[in-house]
Amino acid sequence: MKRRQADGHLTPDEIAALMAGLDEQGSREHAQGCGRCGAELSALQAAVLSVRDSGRDWAERAAVSPRWSRVSESPWSFWSRALTPQRLVLASVLVAGLAGMEAWREYRIHADSEAAAAEVSDAALLAQVDLQISRAVPAEMEPLATLVSWSPSSPAEAARQ
């Protein structure tokens, strides 16, 4: 389960877990106390219940008068009655909602990876600065530093080495 968003609200994964009946990290208590998260959860629940109810209604009507058993009826006339404008609108809203949730999830993953990359590049820059500051001699002077011995030993001892 992912952590809460930066603003403290539930993530889409946490809302989906609540819809599935899972309550990890006190998500249900947060949704009950937070107006924004509670509204999002109740809207999603209402959409799912609406789909369930319309499916049950359709099944009950089909059981009473099964249209597909009529030989003279064409399949297209059945579908033209079954797909009412209200059902098409509901299906469109559900598809758009699911696509929006997936787009939001992808956006958050992308934003999190960009933040992690920025942290890595900042750490690399600080490491380079630390390396430059901690050098005894500037990088341009290192070839000269290897030619000259900086040890306090005598010239005779330096010649033997």
N, C-alpha and C. Protein backbone atom coordinates (compact mmCIF):
# COMPACT_ATOMS: atom_id res chain seq x y z
N MET A 1 0.86 -1.18 0.00
CA MET A 1 0.00 0.00 0.00
C MET A 1 0.90 1.23 0.00
N LYS A 2 0.59 2.16 -0.85
CA LYS A 2 1.38 3.38 -0.94
C LYS A 2 1.05 4.31 0.23
N ARG A 3 1.96 5.24 0.46
CA ARG A 3 1.75 6.22 1.50
C ARG A 3 0.69 7.22 1.06
N ARG A 4 0.24 7.99 2.02
CA ARG A 4 -0.72 9.05 1.72
C ARG A 4 -0.06 10.09 0.82
N GLN A 5 -0.89 10.85 0.16
CA GLN A 5 -0.40 11.92 -0.69
C GLN A 5 0.24 12.99 0.18
N ALA A 6 0.96 13.90 -0.46
CA ALA A 6 1.66 14.94 0.28
C ALA A 6 0.69 15.83 1.05
N ASP A 7 -0.51 16.02 0.53
CA ASP A 7 -1.48 16.86 1.23
C ASP A 7 -2.28 16.09 2.28
N GLY A 8 -1.96 14.82 2.52
CA GLY A 8 -2.59 14.03 3.58
C GLY A 8 -3.83 13.28 3.16
N HIS A 9 -4.29 13.43 1.92
CA HIS A 9 -5.49 12.74 1.47
C HIS A 9 -5.16 11.33 0.98
N LEU A 10 -6.19 10.51 0.85
CA LEU A 10 -6.02 9.12 0.43
C LEU A 10 -5.61 9.06 -1.04
N THR A 11 -4.75 8.08 -1.35
CA THR A 11 -4.36 7.85 -2.73
C THR A 11 -5.44 7.03 -3.42
N PRO A 12 -5.43 6.99 -4.75
CA PRO A 12 -6.40 6.13 -5.45
C PRO A 12 -6.27 4.66 -5.05
N ASP A 13 -5.07 4.20 -4.75
CA ASP A 13 -4.89 2.81 -4.31
C ASP A 13 -5.57 2.57 -2.97
N GLU A 14 -5.49 3.54 -2.06
CA GLU A 14 -6.14 3.38 -0.77
C GLU A 14 -7.66 3.40 -0.91
N ILE A 15 -8.17 4.25 -1.80
CA ILE A 15 -9.62 4.30 -2.02
C ILE A 15 -10.10 2.99 -2.64
N ALA A 16 -9.31 2.44 -3.58
CA ALA A 16 -9.67 1.16 -4.19
C ALA A 16 -9.64 0.05 -3.13
N ALA A 17 -8.68 0.10 -2.22
CA ALA A 17 -8.62 -0.91 -1.16
C ALA A 17 -9.85 -0.80 -0.25
N LEU A 18 -10.28 0.41 0.04
CA LEU A 18 -11.49 0.58 0.84
C LEU A 18 -12.71 0.02 0.12
N MET A 19 -12.78 0.23 -1.19
CA MET A 19 -13.89 -0.32 -1.97
C MET A 19 -13.87 -1.84 -1.94
N ALA A 20 -12.69 -2.43 -1.88
CA ALA A 20 -12.56 -3.88 -1.85
C ALA A 20 -12.76 -4.45 -0.45
N GLY A 21 -12.93 -3.58 0.55
CA GLY A 21 -13.17 -4.05 1.91
C GLY A 21 -11.92 -4.14 2.75
N LEU A 22 -10.81 -3.63 2.25
CA LEU A 22 -9.57 -3.65 3.02
C LEU A 22 -9.39 -2.30 3.70
N ASP A 23 -8.93 -2.32 4.93
CA ASP A 23 -8.70 -1.06 5.64
C ASP A 23 -7.33 -1.12 6.28
N GLU A 24 -6.33 -0.69 5.52
CA GLU A 24 -4.97 -0.67 6.05
C GLU A 24 -4.61 0.75 6.43
N GLN A 25 -3.89 0.91 7.49
CA GLN A 25 -3.35 2.20 7.95
C GLN A 25 -4.45 3.21 8.28
N GLY A 26 -5.61 2.76 8.72
CA GLY A 26 -6.66 3.67 9.16
C GLY A 26 -7.28 4.49 8.06
N SER A 27 -7.36 3.95 6.86
CA SER A 27 -7.91 4.70 5.73
C SER A 27 -9.39 4.99 5.93
N ARG A 28 -10.14 4.05 6.49
CA ARG A 28 -11.58 4.25 6.65
C ARG A 28 -11.86 5.40 7.62
N GLU A 29 -11.09 5.48 8.71
CA GLU A 29 -11.28 6.57 9.66
C GLU A 29 -10.97 7.91 8.99
N HIS A 30 -9.92 7.94 8.17
CA HIS A 30 -9.58 9.18 7.47
C HIS A 30 -10.71 9.58 6.52
N ALA A 31 -11.24 8.62 5.77
CA ALA A 31 -12.31 8.91 4.81
C ALA A 31 -13.57 9.40 5.52
N GLN A 32 -13.83 8.90 6.73
CA GLN A 32 -15.01 9.34 7.47
C GLN A 32 -14.83 10.74 8.02
N GLY A 33 -13.59 11.11 8.33
CA GLY A 33 -13.33 12.43 8.90
C GLY A 33 -13.01 13.49 7.87
N CYS A 34 -12.58 13.10 6.68
CA CYS A 34 -12.16 14.06 5.65
C CYS A 34 -13.28 14.22 4.62
N GLY A 35 -13.68 15.45 4.39
CA GLY A 35 -14.77 15.71 3.45
C GLY A 35 -14.42 15.33 2.03
N ARG A 36 -13.21 15.67 1.59
CA ARG A 36 -12.82 15.39 0.20
C ARG A 36 -12.70 13.90 -0.07
N CYS A 37 -12.02 13.18 0.82
CA CYS A 37 -11.84 11.74 0.62
C CYS A 37 -13.17 11.00 0.80
N GLY A 38 -13.99 11.44 1.76
CA GLY A 38 -15.29 10.82 1.96
C GLY A 38 -16.19 11.01 0.76
N ALA A 39 -16.15 12.20 0.16
CA ALA A 39 -16.98 12.46 -1.03
C ALA A 39 -16.52 11.61 -2.20
N GLU A 40 -15.21 11.47 -2.36
CA GLU A 40 -14.69 10.66 -3.47
C GLU A 40 -15.07 9.19 -3.29
N LEU A 41 -14.97 8.70 -2.06
CA LEU A 41 -15.32 7.31 -1.78
C LEU A 41 -16.82 7.09 -1.98
N SER A 42 -17.65 8.01 -1.50
CA SER A 42 -19.10 7.81 -1.64
C SER A 42 -19.54 7.93 -3.10
N ALA A 43 -18.89 8.80 -3.89
CA ALA A 43 -19.24 8.90 -5.30
C ALA A 43 -18.90 7.61 -6.04
N LEU A 44 -17.77 7.03 -5.72
CA LEU A 44 -17.38 5.78 -6.35
C LEU A 44 -18.32 4.64 -5.93
N GLN A 45 -18.69 4.62 -4.65
CA GLN A 45 -19.62 3.60 -4.18
C GLN A 45 -20.98 3.76 -4.86
N ALA A 46 -21.45 4.99 -5.02
CA ALA A 46 -22.74 5.23 -5.66
C ALA A 46 -22.72 4.76 -7.11
N ALA A 47 -21.61 4.99 -7.82
CA ALA A 47 -21.51 4.55 -9.21
C ALA A 47 -21.54 3.03 -9.30
N VAL A 48 -20.83 2.37 -8.41
CA VAL A 48 -20.80 0.90 -8.43
C VAL A 48 -22.18 0.34 -8.08
N LEU A 49 -22.85 0.94 -7.09
CA LEU A 49 -24.19 0.48 -6.73
C LEU A 49 -25.18 0.71 -7.86
N SER A 50 -25.04 1.79 -8.58
CA SER A 50 -25.92 2.06 -9.71
C SER A 50 -25.75 1.01 -10.80
N VAL A 51 -24.52 0.63 -11.08
CA VAL A 51 -24.27 -0.41 -12.07
C VAL A 51 -24.86 -1.73 -11.59
N ARG A 52 -24.68 -2.04 -10.31
CA ARG A 52 -25.23 -3.28 -9.76
C ARG A 52 -26.75 -3.30 -9.88
N ASP A 53 -27.38 -2.19 -9.51
CA ASP A 53 -28.84 -2.14 -9.56
C ASP A 53 -29.37 -2.23 -10.98
N SER A 54 -28.72 -1.56 -11.92
CA SER A 54 -29.19 -1.64 -13.30
C SER A 54 -29.00 -3.05 -13.85
N GLY A 55 -27.95 -3.73 -13.45
CA GLY A 55 -27.76 -5.12 -13.86
C GLY A 55 -28.83 -6.03 -13.29
N ARG A 56 -29.18 -5.81 -12.04
CA ARG A 56 -30.25 -6.62 -11.43
C ARG A 56 -31.59 -6.34 -12.10
N ASP A 57 -31.88 -5.07 -12.37
CA ASP A 57 -33.13 -4.73 -13.04
C ASP A 57 -33.21 -5.40 -14.41
N TRP A 58 -32.14 -5.32 -15.13
CA TRP A 58 -32.11 -5.93 -16.46
C TRP A 58 -32.32 -7.43 -16.36
N ALA A 59 -31.67 -8.09 -15.39
CA ALA A 59 -31.81 -9.54 -15.22
C ALA A 59 -33.23 -9.92 -14.85
N GLU A 60 -33.86 -9.11 -13.99
CA GLU A 60 -35.25 -9.41 -13.60
C GLU A 60 -36.19 -9.28 -14.79
N ARG A 61 -36.03 -8.24 -15.59
CA ARG A 61 -36.88 -8.07 -16.77
C ARG A 61 -36.64 -9.17 -17.80
N ALA A 62 -35.38 -9.58 -17.93
CA ALA A 62 -35.07 -10.65 -18.88
C ALA A 62 -35.65 -11.98 -18.42
N ALA A 63 -35.70 -12.21 -17.10
CA ALA A 63 -36.26 -13.46 -16.58
C ALA A 63 -37.77 -13.52 -16.79
N VAL A 64 -38.44 -12.40 -16.68
CA VAL A 64 -39.89 -12.36 -16.85
C VAL A 64 -40.26 -12.53 -18.32
N SER A 65 -39.58 -11.82 -19.18
CA SER A 65 -39.90 -11.86 -20.60
C SER A 65 -38.59 -11.96 -21.40
N PRO A 66 -38.05 -13.16 -21.52
CA PRO A 66 -36.78 -13.29 -22.24
C PRO A 66 -36.94 -12.97 -23.72
N ARG A 67 -36.40 -11.87 -24.13
CA ARG A 67 -36.55 -11.42 -25.51
C ARG A 67 -35.77 -12.27 -26.50
N TRP A 68 -34.68 -12.85 -26.04
CA TRP A 68 -33.86 -13.61 -26.97
C TRP A 68 -34.49 -14.94 -27.38
N SER A 69 -35.58 -15.36 -26.71
CA SER A 69 -36.23 -16.61 -27.10
C SER A 69 -37.19 -16.42 -28.26
N ARG A 70 -37.51 -15.19 -28.58
CA ARG A 70 -38.41 -14.93 -29.70
C ARG A 70 -37.64 -15.07 -31.00
N VAL A 71 -38.08 -15.96 -31.82
CA VAL A 71 -37.38 -16.23 -33.07
C VAL A 71 -37.56 -15.10 -34.06
N SER A 72 -38.74 -14.47 -34.04
CA SER A 72 -39.02 -13.44 -35.04
C SER A 72 -38.29 -12.13 -34.76
N GLU A 73 -37.78 -11.96 -33.54
CA GLU A 73 -37.15 -10.70 -33.18
C GLU A 73 -35.68 -10.70 -33.61
N SER A 74 -35.24 -9.63 -34.17
CA SER A 74 -33.84 -9.53 -34.57
C SER A 74 -32.98 -9.16 -33.36
N PRO A 75 -31.73 -9.56 -33.37
CA PRO A 75 -30.84 -9.21 -32.25
C PRO A 75 -30.68 -7.70 -32.10
N TRP A 76 -30.76 -6.96 -33.19
CA TRP A 76 -30.56 -5.51 -33.12
C TRP A 76 -31.70 -4.84 -32.38
N SER A 77 -32.92 -5.34 -32.53
CA SER A 77 -34.03 -4.72 -31.82
C SER A 77 -33.90 -4.94 -30.31
N PHE A 78 -33.37 -6.10 -29.91
CA PHE A 78 -33.12 -6.35 -28.49
C PHE A 78 -32.12 -5.33 -27.94
N TRP A 79 -31.01 -5.15 -28.64
CA TRP A 79 -29.97 -4.24 -28.16
C TRP A 79 -30.42 -2.79 -28.18
N SER A 80 -31.27 -2.44 -29.13
CA SER A 80 -31.75 -1.05 -29.18
C SER A 80 -32.64 -0.75 -27.96
N ARG A 81 -33.35 -1.75 -27.44
CA ARG A 81 -34.15 -1.54 -26.23
C ARG A 81 -33.30 -1.66 -24.97
N ALA A 82 -32.30 -2.52 -24.98
CA ALA A 82 -31.48 -2.74 -23.79
C ALA A 82 -30.53 -1.58 -23.52
N LEU A 83 -30.03 -0.97 -24.57
CA LEU A 83 -29.07 0.12 -24.40
C LEU A 83 -29.80 1.46 -24.43
N THR A 84 -30.35 1.82 -23.31
CA THR A 84 -31.06 3.10 -23.22
C THR A 84 -30.04 4.22 -23.07
N PRO A 85 -30.42 5.44 -23.35
CA PRO A 85 -29.48 6.56 -23.20
C PRO A 85 -28.94 6.70 -21.78
N GLN A 86 -29.78 6.42 -20.78
CA GLN A 86 -29.31 6.52 -19.40
C GLN A 86 -28.21 5.50 -19.13
N ARG A 87 -28.36 4.31 -19.62
CA ARG A 87 -27.35 3.28 -19.40
C ARG A 87 -26.06 3.60 -20.15
N LEU A 88 -26.21 4.14 -21.35
CA LEU A 88 -25.01 4.53 -22.09
C LEU A 88 -24.27 5.65 -21.40
N VAL A 89 -25.00 6.62 -20.85
CA VAL A 89 -24.37 7.71 -20.11
C VAL A 89 -23.66 7.16 -18.87
N LEU A 90 -24.32 6.27 -18.16
CA LEU A 90 -23.73 5.68 -16.96
C LEU A 90 -22.46 4.91 -17.31
N ALA A 91 -22.53 4.13 -18.36
CA ALA A 91 -21.34 3.39 -18.77
C ALA A 91 -20.22 4.34 -19.18
N SER A 92 -20.55 5.41 -19.87
CA SER A 92 -19.53 6.39 -20.27
C SER A 92 -18.90 7.05 -19.06
N VAL A 93 -19.71 7.38 -18.07
CA VAL A 93 -19.19 8.01 -16.86
C VAL A 93 -18.25 7.06 -16.12
N LEU A 94 -18.64 5.80 -16.04
CA LEU A 94 -17.79 4.82 -15.37
C LEU A 94 -16.46 4.63 -16.10
N VAL A 95 -16.52 4.53 -17.41
CA VAL A 95 -15.28 4.36 -18.19
C VAL A 95 -14.40 5.59 -18.03
N ALA A 96 -15.00 6.78 -18.09
CA ALA A 96 -14.22 8.00 -17.92
C ALA A 96 -13.62 8.08 -16.51
N GLY A 97 -14.39 7.67 -15.51
CA GLY A 97 -13.86 7.67 -14.14
C GLY A 97 -12.70 6.72 -13.97
N LEU A 98 -12.82 5.53 -14.52
CA LEU A 98 -11.72 4.56 -14.44
C LEU A 98 -10.50 5.05 -15.20
N ALA A 99 -10.72 5.64 -16.36
CA ALA A 99 -9.58 6.18 -17.13
C ALA A 99 -8.93 7.33 -16.37
N GLY A 100 -9.75 8.15 -15.73
CA GLY A 100 -9.20 9.25 -14.95
C GLY A 100 -8.39 8.77 -13.77
N MET A 101 -8.87 7.72 -13.11
CA MET A 101 -8.11 7.16 -11.97
C MET A 101 -6.78 6.59 -12.45
N GLU A 102 -6.78 5.92 -13.59
CA GLU A 102 -5.54 5.36 -14.12
C GLU A 102 -4.58 6.47 -14.53
N ALA A 103 -5.12 7.53 -15.14
CA ALA A 103 -4.27 8.66 -15.53
C ALA A 103 -3.66 9.32 -14.31
N TRP A 104 -4.44 9.47 -13.25
CA TRP A 104 -3.93 10.07 -12.01
C TRP A 104 -2.84 9.18 -11.41
N ARG A 105 -3.04 7.88 -11.43
CA ARG A 105 -2.03 6.96 -10.89
C ARG A 105 -0.73 7.07 -11.69
N GLU A 106 -0.82 7.12 -13.01
CA GLU A 106 0.36 7.25 -13.85
C GLU A 106 1.06 8.59 -13.60
N TYR A 107 0.26 9.66 -13.41
CA TYR A 107 0.83 10.97 -13.13
C TYR A 107 1.61 10.94 -11.82
N ARG A 108 1.05 10.31 -10.79
CA ARG A 108 1.73 10.26 -9.50
C ARG A 108 3.01 9.43 -9.59
N ILE A 109 2.99 8.32 -10.34
CA ILE A 109 4.19 7.50 -10.50
C ILE A 109 5.26 8.31 -11.21
N HIS A 110 4.88 9.06 -12.24
CA HIS A 110 5.83 9.89 -12.98
C HIS A 110 6.39 10.99 -12.09
N ALA A 111 5.53 11.63 -11.31
CA ALA A 111 5.98 12.70 -10.42
C ALA A 111 6.92 12.16 -9.35
N ASP A 112 6.60 10.97 -8.81
CA ASP A 112 7.47 10.38 -7.80
C ASP A 112 8.83 10.02 -8.38
N SER A 113 8.86 9.51 -9.62
CA SER A 113 10.14 9.15 -10.23
C SER A 113 10.95 10.39 -10.55
N GLU A 114 10.30 11.49 -10.95
CA GLU A 114 11.02 12.74 -11.19
C GLU A 114 11.61 13.28 -9.90
N ALA A 115 10.88 13.19 -8.81
CA ALA A 115 11.39 13.66 -7.53
C ALA A 115 12.59 12.83 -7.09
N ALA A 116 12.52 11.51 -7.31
CA ALA A 116 13.64 10.65 -6.95
C ALA A 116 14.87 10.96 -7.81
N ALA A 117 14.64 11.23 -9.10
CA ALA A 117 15.77 11.57 -9.98
C ALA A 117 16.39 12.90 -9.56
N ALA A 118 15.57 13.86 -9.14
CA ALA A 118 16.11 15.14 -8.69
C ALA A 118 16.94 14.96 -7.43
N GLU A 119 16.50 14.09 -6.53
CA GLU A 119 17.26 13.83 -5.31
C GLU A 119 18.61 13.20 -5.64
N VAL A 120 18.62 12.27 -6.60
CA VAL A 120 19.86 11.61 -6.99
C VAL A 120 20.81 12.61 -7.63
N SER A 121 20.29 13.48 -8.51
CA SER A 121 21.17 14.45 -9.17
C SER A 121 21.68 15.47 -8.16
N ASP A 122 20.86 15.84 -7.18
CA ASP A 122 21.33 16.75 -6.14
C ASP A 122 22.43 16.11 -5.32
N ALA A 123 22.28 14.83 -5.00
CA ALA A 123 23.30 14.13 -4.22
C ALA A 123 24.61 14.03 -5.01
N ALA A 124 24.51 13.78 -6.32
CA ALA A 124 25.72 13.70 -7.14
C ALA A 124 26.43 15.05 -7.21
N LEU A 125 25.67 16.12 -7.33
CA LEU A 125 26.26 17.47 -7.36
C LEU A 125 26.96 17.78 -6.05
N LEU A 126 26.31 17.44 -4.94
CA LEU A 126 26.95 17.67 -3.63
C LEU A 126 28.22 16.85 -3.47
N ALA A 127 28.23 15.64 -4.00
CA ALA A 127 29.44 14.80 -3.92
C ALA A 127 30.57 15.43 -4.73
N GLN A 128 30.25 15.99 -5.90
CA GLN A 128 31.28 16.65 -6.70
C GLN A 128 31.82 17.89 -5.99
N VAL A 129 30.94 18.67 -5.39
CA VAL A 129 31.39 19.86 -4.66
C VAL A 129 32.26 19.45 -3.49
N ASP A 130 31.86 18.41 -2.78
CA ASP A 130 32.65 17.93 -1.65
C ASP A 130 34.03 17.48 -2.10
N LEU A 131 34.10 16.80 -3.24
CA LEU A 131 35.39 16.34 -3.77
C LEU A 131 36.28 17.53 -4.12
N GLN A 132 35.71 18.55 -4.75
CA GLN A 132 36.50 19.73 -5.12
C GLN A 132 36.99 20.48 -3.89
N ILE A 133 36.16 20.57 -2.87
CA ILE A 133 36.56 21.31 -1.67
C ILE A 133 37.60 20.55 -0.88
N SER A 134 37.51 19.24 -0.84
CA SER A 134 38.42 18.45 0.00
C SER A 134 39.77 18.18 -0.65
N ARG A 135 39.99 18.58 -1.86
CA ARG A 135 41.30 18.39 -2.51
C ARG A 135 42.35 19.26 -1.84
N ALA A 136 43.56 18.72 -1.71
CA ALA A 136 44.68 19.49 -1.15
C ALA A 136 45.17 20.51 -2.18
N VAL A 137 45.08 20.13 -3.44
CA VAL A 137 45.56 20.97 -4.53
C VAL A 137 44.46 21.00 -5.59
N PRO A 138 44.22 22.14 -6.24
CA PRO A 138 43.23 22.16 -7.31
C PRO A 138 43.56 21.15 -8.40
N ALA A 139 42.54 20.67 -9.11
CA ALA A 139 42.73 19.63 -10.11
C ALA A 139 43.74 20.04 -11.17
N GLU A 140 43.75 21.32 -11.53
CA GLU A 140 44.69 21.78 -12.56
C GLU A 140 46.13 21.71 -12.08
N MET A 141 46.36 21.75 -10.78
CA MET A 141 47.71 21.77 -10.22
C MET A 141 48.22 20.39 -9.82
N GLU A 142 47.40 19.35 -9.94
CA GLU A 142 47.81 18.01 -9.51
C GLU A 142 49.05 17.50 -10.23
N PRO A 143 49.23 17.70 -11.55
CA PRO A 143 50.48 17.23 -12.17
C PRO A 143 51.72 17.86 -11.55
N LEU A 144 51.63 19.13 -11.18
CA LEU A 144 52.77 19.77 -10.53
C LEU A 144 52.99 19.24 -9.12
N ALA A 145 51.90 18.91 -8.44
CA ALA A 145 52.01 18.41 -7.08
C ALA A 145 52.70 17.05 -7.04
N THR A 146 52.53 16.25 -8.08
CA THR A 146 53.20 14.94 -8.10
C THR A 146 54.70 15.09 -8.38
N LEU A 147 55.10 16.19 -9.08
CA LEU A 147 56.51 16.42 -9.35
C LEU A 147 57.25 16.93 -8.11
N VAL A 148 56.56 17.67 -7.29
CA VAL A 148 57.18 18.26 -6.11
C VAL A 148 56.74 17.48 -4.89
N SER A 149 57.69 17.09 -4.08
CA SER A 149 57.38 16.37 -2.86
C SER A 149 57.07 17.37 -1.76
N TRP A 150 55.99 17.21 -1.08
CA TRP A 150 55.61 18.14 -0.04
C TRP A 150 55.96 17.60 1.35
N SER A 151 56.69 16.52 1.41
CA SER A 151 57.05 15.95 2.71
C SER A 151 58.18 16.77 3.31
N PRO A 152 58.23 16.87 4.64
CA PRO A 152 59.27 17.67 5.30
C PRO A 152 60.63 16.97 5.37
N SER A 153 60.80 15.92 4.61
CA SER A 153 62.07 15.17 4.67
C SER A 153 63.17 15.97 3.94
N SER A 154 64.39 15.54 4.17
CA SER A 154 65.54 16.20 3.56
C SER A 154 65.66 15.84 2.07
N PRO A 155 66.38 16.64 1.27
CA PRO A 155 66.53 16.33 -0.14
C PRO A 155 67.21 14.98 -0.38
N ALA A 156 68.09 14.57 0.52
CA ALA A 156 68.78 13.29 0.35
C ALA A 156 67.78 12.14 0.49
N GLU A 157 66.88 12.27 1.47
CA GLU A 157 65.88 11.20 1.64
C GLU A 157 64.92 11.17 0.46
N ALA A 158 64.58 12.31 -0.11
CA ALA A 158 63.68 12.35 -1.25
C ALA A 158 64.35 11.72 -2.47
N ALA A 159 65.68 11.87 -2.60
CA ALA A 159 66.39 11.29 -3.73
C ALA A 159 66.41 9.76 -3.64
N ARG A 160 66.47 9.22 -2.43
CA ARG A 160 66.50 7.77 -2.26
C ARG A 160 65.14 7.14 -2.55
N GLN A 161 64.12 7.88 -2.41
CA GLN A 161 62.79 7.31 -2.62
C GLN A 161 62.46 7.30 -4.04
